[in-house]
N, C-alpha and C. Protein backbone atom coordinates (compact mmCIF):
# COMPACT_ATOMS: atom_id res chain seq x y z
N MET A 1 -74.33 -66.00 77.87
CA MET A 1 -73.33 -65.10 77.39
C MET A 1 -72.85 -64.23 78.55
N THR A 2 -71.54 -64.05 78.64
CA THR A 2 -70.99 -63.26 79.74
C THR A 2 -70.83 -61.81 79.31
N PRO A 3 -70.98 -60.92 80.24
CA PRO A 3 -70.79 -59.51 79.88
C PRO A 3 -69.33 -59.23 79.56
N LYS A 4 -69.12 -58.20 78.78
CA LYS A 4 -67.79 -57.87 78.32
C LYS A 4 -66.87 -57.46 79.47
N THR A 5 -67.40 -56.96 80.52
CA THR A 5 -66.57 -56.54 81.66
C THR A 5 -66.05 -57.73 82.45
N ALA A 6 -66.60 -58.92 82.26
CA ALA A 6 -66.17 -60.09 83.01
C ALA A 6 -64.87 -60.67 82.45
N GLU A 7 -64.50 -60.31 81.25
CA GLU A 7 -63.27 -60.85 80.66
C GLU A 7 -62.05 -60.26 81.38
N PRO A 8 -61.07 -61.10 81.67
CA PRO A 8 -59.88 -60.56 82.34
C PRO A 8 -59.08 -59.69 81.37
N LYS A 9 -58.58 -58.61 81.91
CA LYS A 9 -57.79 -57.72 81.07
C LYS A 9 -56.36 -58.24 81.03
N ARG A 10 -55.77 -58.13 79.89
CA ARG A 10 -54.38 -58.56 79.73
C ARG A 10 -53.46 -57.41 80.09
N THR A 11 -52.44 -57.77 80.83
CA THR A 11 -51.46 -56.75 81.18
C THR A 11 -50.15 -57.13 80.50
N HIS A 12 -49.54 -56.18 79.88
CA HIS A 12 -48.26 -56.41 79.21
C HIS A 12 -47.14 -56.13 80.19
N ARG A 13 -46.07 -56.90 80.01
CA ARG A 13 -44.91 -56.68 80.86
C ARG A 13 -44.23 -55.38 80.46
N PRO A 14 -43.62 -54.73 81.42
CA PRO A 14 -42.91 -53.50 81.08
C PRO A 14 -41.70 -53.80 80.18
N VAL A 15 -41.27 -52.79 79.47
CA VAL A 15 -40.15 -52.95 78.54
C VAL A 15 -38.89 -53.37 79.29
N ASP A 16 -38.70 -52.83 80.49
CA ASP A 16 -37.51 -53.17 81.26
C ASP A 16 -37.46 -54.66 81.60
N ASP A 17 -38.60 -55.25 81.92
CA ASP A 17 -38.64 -56.69 82.20
C ASP A 17 -38.31 -57.51 80.97
N ARG A 18 -38.84 -57.11 79.83
CA ARG A 18 -38.55 -57.84 78.60
C ARG A 18 -37.08 -57.72 78.22
N ILE A 19 -36.51 -56.54 78.40
CA ILE A 19 -35.09 -56.33 78.09
C ILE A 19 -34.22 -57.18 79.02
N ALA A 20 -34.57 -57.22 80.30
CA ALA A 20 -33.80 -58.01 81.27
C ALA A 20 -33.84 -59.50 80.90
N GLU A 21 -35.01 -59.97 80.47
CA GLU A 21 -35.13 -61.37 80.07
C GLU A 21 -34.26 -61.67 78.86
N LEU A 22 -34.27 -60.80 77.88
CA LEU A 22 -33.45 -61.00 76.68
C LEU A 22 -31.96 -60.93 77.01
N GLU A 23 -31.57 -60.03 77.91
CA GLU A 23 -30.17 -59.95 78.31
C GLU A 23 -29.73 -61.22 79.03
N ALA A 24 -30.63 -61.81 79.81
CA ALA A 24 -30.32 -63.08 80.49
C ALA A 24 -30.13 -64.20 79.46
N LYS A 25 -30.96 -64.19 78.40
CA LYS A 25 -30.80 -65.19 77.35
C LYS A 25 -29.47 -65.02 76.64
N ILE A 26 -29.10 -63.78 76.38
CA ILE A 26 -27.82 -63.50 75.72
C ILE A 26 -26.66 -63.98 76.60
N ALA A 27 -26.74 -63.72 77.89
CA ALA A 27 -25.69 -64.15 78.82
C ALA A 27 -25.59 -65.68 78.83
N GLY A 28 -26.72 -66.37 78.77
CA GLY A 28 -26.72 -67.83 78.73
C GLY A 28 -26.07 -68.37 77.47
N ILE A 29 -26.35 -67.73 76.34
CA ILE A 29 -25.75 -68.15 75.08
C ILE A 29 -24.24 -67.95 75.11
N LYS A 30 -23.80 -66.81 75.66
CA LYS A 30 -22.36 -66.54 75.77
C LYS A 30 -21.69 -67.55 76.69
N ALA A 31 -22.34 -67.92 77.79
CA ALA A 31 -21.78 -68.89 78.72
C ALA A 31 -21.66 -70.26 78.07
N ARG A 32 -22.66 -70.66 77.28
CA ARG A 32 -22.59 -71.95 76.58
C ARG A 32 -21.45 -71.96 75.57
N GLU A 33 -21.25 -70.85 74.88
CA GLU A 33 -20.17 -70.77 73.90
C GLU A 33 -18.81 -70.84 74.60
N THR A 34 -18.68 -70.17 75.73
CA THR A 34 -17.44 -70.22 76.49
C THR A 34 -17.15 -71.65 76.95
N ALA A 35 -18.17 -72.33 77.43
CA ALA A 35 -18.01 -73.72 77.87
C ALA A 35 -17.63 -74.61 76.70
N LYS A 36 -18.22 -74.37 75.55
CA LYS A 36 -17.93 -75.17 74.36
C LYS A 36 -16.47 -75.00 73.95
N GLN A 37 -15.98 -73.77 74.00
CA GLN A 37 -14.58 -73.52 73.67
C GLN A 37 -13.65 -74.12 74.71
N ALA A 38 -14.04 -74.08 75.97
CA ALA A 38 -13.20 -74.65 77.03
C ALA A 38 -13.14 -76.17 76.90
N LYS A 39 -14.24 -76.78 76.50
CA LYS A 39 -14.24 -78.24 76.33
C LYS A 39 -13.35 -78.66 75.17
N ALA A 40 -13.15 -77.79 74.21
CA ALA A 40 -12.32 -78.11 73.05
C ALA A 40 -10.84 -78.06 73.39
N GLN A 41 -10.46 -77.37 74.45
CA GLN A 41 -9.06 -77.28 74.86
C GLN A 41 -8.62 -78.61 75.48
N PRO A 42 -7.35 -78.98 75.32
CA PRO A 42 -6.87 -80.26 75.86
C PRO A 42 -7.05 -80.39 77.38
N GLU A 43 -6.78 -79.30 78.12
CA GLU A 43 -6.92 -79.40 79.58
C GLU A 43 -8.39 -79.54 79.98
N GLY A 44 -9.28 -78.93 79.22
CA GLY A 44 -10.70 -79.07 79.51
C GLY A 44 -11.18 -80.49 79.27
N LYS A 45 -10.72 -81.07 78.17
CA LYS A 45 -11.08 -82.47 77.88
C LYS A 45 -10.57 -83.40 78.96
N ALA A 46 -9.30 -83.21 79.37
CA ALA A 46 -8.69 -84.09 80.37
C ALA A 46 -9.42 -83.97 81.71
N LEU A 47 -9.72 -82.75 82.14
CA LEU A 47 -10.42 -82.57 83.41
C LEU A 47 -11.80 -83.20 83.38
N LEU A 48 -12.51 -83.01 82.28
CA LEU A 48 -13.85 -83.57 82.17
C LEU A 48 -13.82 -85.09 82.19
N LEU A 49 -12.86 -85.68 81.48
CA LEU A 49 -12.74 -87.14 81.49
C LEU A 49 -12.39 -87.65 82.88
N ALA A 50 -11.51 -86.93 83.58
CA ALA A 50 -11.13 -87.36 84.93
C ALA A 50 -12.32 -87.32 85.88
N VAL A 51 -13.11 -86.27 85.80
CA VAL A 51 -14.29 -86.16 86.68
C VAL A 51 -15.30 -87.26 86.35
N LYS A 52 -15.49 -87.53 85.08
CA LYS A 52 -16.44 -88.60 84.70
C LYS A 52 -15.95 -89.96 85.18
N ALA A 53 -14.63 -90.20 85.10
CA ALA A 53 -14.09 -91.47 85.58
C ALA A 53 -14.26 -91.60 87.09
N ILE A 54 -14.04 -90.51 87.81
CA ILE A 54 -14.23 -90.53 89.26
C ILE A 54 -15.70 -90.77 89.59
N ASP A 55 -16.62 -90.18 88.80
CA ASP A 55 -18.04 -90.41 89.03
C ASP A 55 -18.41 -91.88 88.86
N LYS A 56 -17.84 -92.52 87.84
CA LYS A 56 -18.10 -93.94 87.64
C LYS A 56 -17.55 -94.77 88.79
N ALA A 57 -16.35 -94.43 89.24
CA ALA A 57 -15.75 -95.14 90.36
C ALA A 57 -16.56 -94.91 91.64
N LEU A 58 -17.08 -93.71 91.81
CA LEU A 58 -17.94 -93.42 92.97
C LEU A 58 -19.19 -94.29 92.96
N ALA A 59 -19.77 -94.44 91.79
CA ALA A 59 -20.98 -95.27 91.68
C ALA A 59 -20.69 -96.71 92.07
N VAL A 60 -19.57 -97.23 91.62
CA VAL A 60 -19.20 -98.62 91.94
C VAL A 60 -18.90 -98.75 93.43
N ALA A 61 -18.15 -97.79 93.97
CA ALA A 61 -17.80 -97.85 95.39
C ALA A 61 -19.05 -97.75 96.27
N ALA A 62 -19.99 -96.91 95.87
CA ALA A 62 -21.22 -96.78 96.64
C ALA A 62 -22.06 -98.05 96.53
N GLU A 63 -22.02 -98.68 95.39
CA GLU A 63 -22.79 -99.91 95.19
C GLU A 63 -22.29 -101.04 96.09
N VAL A 64 -20.97 -101.13 96.26
CA VAL A 64 -20.42 -102.18 97.12
C VAL A 64 -20.27 -101.72 98.56
N ARG A 65 -20.72 -100.50 98.85
CA ARG A 65 -20.74 -99.91 100.18
C ARG A 65 -19.34 -99.81 100.80
N ASN A 66 -18.39 -99.34 100.02
CA ASN A 66 -17.04 -99.10 100.50
C ASN A 66 -16.92 -97.62 100.85
N GLU A 67 -17.26 -97.28 102.09
CA GLU A 67 -17.34 -95.88 102.51
C GLU A 67 -16.00 -95.17 102.46
N GLY A 68 -14.93 -95.87 102.79
CA GLY A 68 -13.60 -95.25 102.74
C GLY A 68 -13.22 -94.82 101.34
N LEU A 69 -13.50 -95.67 100.38
CA LEU A 69 -13.20 -95.36 98.98
C LEU A 69 -14.10 -94.23 98.48
N VAL A 70 -15.34 -94.22 98.90
CA VAL A 70 -16.26 -93.15 98.50
C VAL A 70 -15.74 -91.81 98.99
N ARG A 71 -15.33 -91.74 100.25
CA ARG A 71 -14.80 -90.48 100.78
C ARG A 71 -13.54 -90.05 100.05
N ALA A 72 -12.65 -91.00 99.74
CA ALA A 72 -11.41 -90.67 99.05
C ALA A 72 -11.70 -90.15 97.64
N LEU A 73 -12.64 -90.78 96.95
CA LEU A 73 -12.99 -90.33 95.60
C LEU A 73 -13.66 -88.97 95.62
N GLU A 74 -14.51 -88.73 96.60
CA GLU A 74 -15.15 -87.42 96.72
C GLU A 74 -14.12 -86.34 96.99
N ALA A 75 -13.12 -86.67 97.82
CA ALA A 75 -12.06 -85.71 98.11
C ALA A 75 -11.22 -85.43 96.87
N ALA A 76 -11.04 -86.43 96.02
CA ALA A 76 -10.26 -86.24 94.79
C ALA A 76 -11.07 -85.47 93.75
N ARG A 77 -12.38 -85.62 93.78
CA ARG A 77 -13.22 -84.96 92.78
C ARG A 77 -13.37 -83.46 93.05
N ALA A 78 -13.35 -83.06 94.30
CA ALA A 78 -13.62 -81.67 94.66
C ALA A 78 -12.69 -80.67 93.98
N PRO A 79 -11.35 -80.83 94.04
CA PRO A 79 -10.50 -79.83 93.37
C PRO A 79 -10.63 -79.87 91.85
N LEU A 80 -10.89 -81.03 91.30
CA LEU A 80 -11.08 -81.11 89.85
C LEU A 80 -12.35 -80.38 89.44
N SER A 81 -13.38 -80.51 90.26
CA SER A 81 -14.64 -79.83 89.99
C SER A 81 -14.47 -78.32 90.05
N GLU A 82 -13.69 -77.86 91.01
CA GLU A 82 -13.44 -76.42 91.12
C GLU A 82 -12.73 -75.90 89.88
N GLN A 83 -11.80 -76.66 89.35
CA GLN A 83 -11.09 -76.24 88.15
C GLN A 83 -12.02 -76.21 86.94
N LEU A 84 -12.90 -77.19 86.85
CA LEU A 84 -13.87 -77.19 85.75
C LEU A 84 -14.74 -75.95 85.78
N VAL A 85 -15.21 -75.60 86.96
CA VAL A 85 -16.06 -74.42 87.10
C VAL A 85 -15.26 -73.16 86.78
N ALA A 86 -13.99 -73.12 87.21
CA ALA A 86 -13.16 -71.95 86.94
C ALA A 86 -12.93 -71.77 85.43
N ILE A 87 -12.81 -72.87 84.71
CA ILE A 87 -12.61 -72.80 83.26
C ILE A 87 -13.89 -72.36 82.57
N GLY A 88 -15.03 -72.70 83.16
CA GLY A 88 -16.31 -72.34 82.56
C GLY A 88 -17.10 -73.54 82.07
N ILE A 89 -16.69 -74.72 82.47
CA ILE A 89 -17.39 -75.94 82.06
C ILE A 89 -18.34 -76.35 83.17
N ARG A 90 -19.57 -76.70 82.79
CA ARG A 90 -20.54 -77.17 83.78
C ARG A 90 -20.14 -78.55 84.26
N LEU A 91 -20.42 -78.83 85.51
CA LEU A 91 -20.12 -80.15 86.05
C LEU A 91 -21.11 -81.17 85.50
N PRO A 92 -20.63 -82.35 85.14
CA PRO A 92 -21.57 -83.38 84.70
C PRO A 92 -22.38 -83.88 85.87
N ASP A 93 -23.65 -84.12 85.64
CA ASP A 93 -24.53 -84.64 86.67
C ASP A 93 -24.53 -86.15 86.55
N ALA A 94 -23.92 -86.81 87.51
CA ALA A 94 -23.77 -88.26 87.44
C ALA A 94 -25.12 -88.98 87.52
N LYS A 95 -26.13 -88.34 88.11
CA LYS A 95 -27.40 -89.00 88.31
C LYS A 95 -28.33 -88.92 87.11
N SER A 96 -28.09 -87.97 86.22
CA SER A 96 -29.01 -87.80 85.09
C SER A 96 -28.67 -88.77 83.97
N ARG A 97 -29.70 -89.25 83.33
CA ARG A 97 -29.52 -90.16 82.20
C ARG A 97 -29.59 -89.36 80.92
N ARG A 98 -28.84 -89.79 79.94
CA ARG A 98 -28.82 -89.08 78.68
C ARG A 98 -29.44 -89.96 77.61
N GLY A 99 -29.90 -89.34 76.56
CA GLY A 99 -30.46 -90.10 75.46
C GLY A 99 -31.96 -90.22 75.56
N ARG A 100 -32.51 -90.96 74.62
CA ARG A 100 -33.96 -91.12 74.56
C ARG A 100 -34.41 -92.24 75.48
N ARG A 101 -35.67 -92.16 75.88
CA ARG A 101 -36.25 -93.22 76.68
C ARG A 101 -36.61 -94.38 75.77
N ARG A 102 -36.43 -95.56 76.28
CA ARG A 102 -36.79 -96.74 75.51
C ARG A 102 -38.27 -97.03 75.66
N LYS A 103 -38.85 -97.55 74.61
CA LYS A 103 -40.26 -97.93 74.69
C LYS A 103 -40.38 -99.21 75.52
N ASN A 104 -41.54 -99.40 76.12
CA ASN A 104 -41.73 -100.55 76.98
C ASN A 104 -41.59 -101.88 76.24
N ASP A 105 -42.03 -101.93 75.00
CA ASP A 105 -41.95 -103.19 74.26
C ASP A 105 -40.51 -103.49 73.83
N GLN A 106 -39.63 -102.49 73.78
CA GLN A 106 -38.24 -102.73 73.38
C GLN A 106 -37.37 -103.06 74.57
N ALA A 107 -37.83 -102.74 75.77
CA ALA A 107 -37.03 -103.02 76.96
C ALA A 107 -36.90 -104.50 77.17
N ALA A 108 -35.80 -104.92 77.71
CA ALA A 108 -35.49 -106.32 78.03
C ALA A 108 -34.74 -107.00 76.96
């Protein structure tokens, strides 16, 4: 049996830290709502589709190792990306996969 003094004492976070954390959560929720509304606008939809199409073309160009096309597509994507960020929409991550993982027995 261990003595009672050996137990670590719990320290509570100060109220200011907890308030700051909650304010950060509120700011995140507001940002998501702003992005959701921006995506619903026609220009937001068009910009997002254009960036996704360029991402797909970039993947194909990189696969066939066409460096000139890759540079041209990256140059075309940059101003569109800036506009998306200005509207409040997060940039899509071309490398991330979406959806659920497939089970090993279902693959193939």
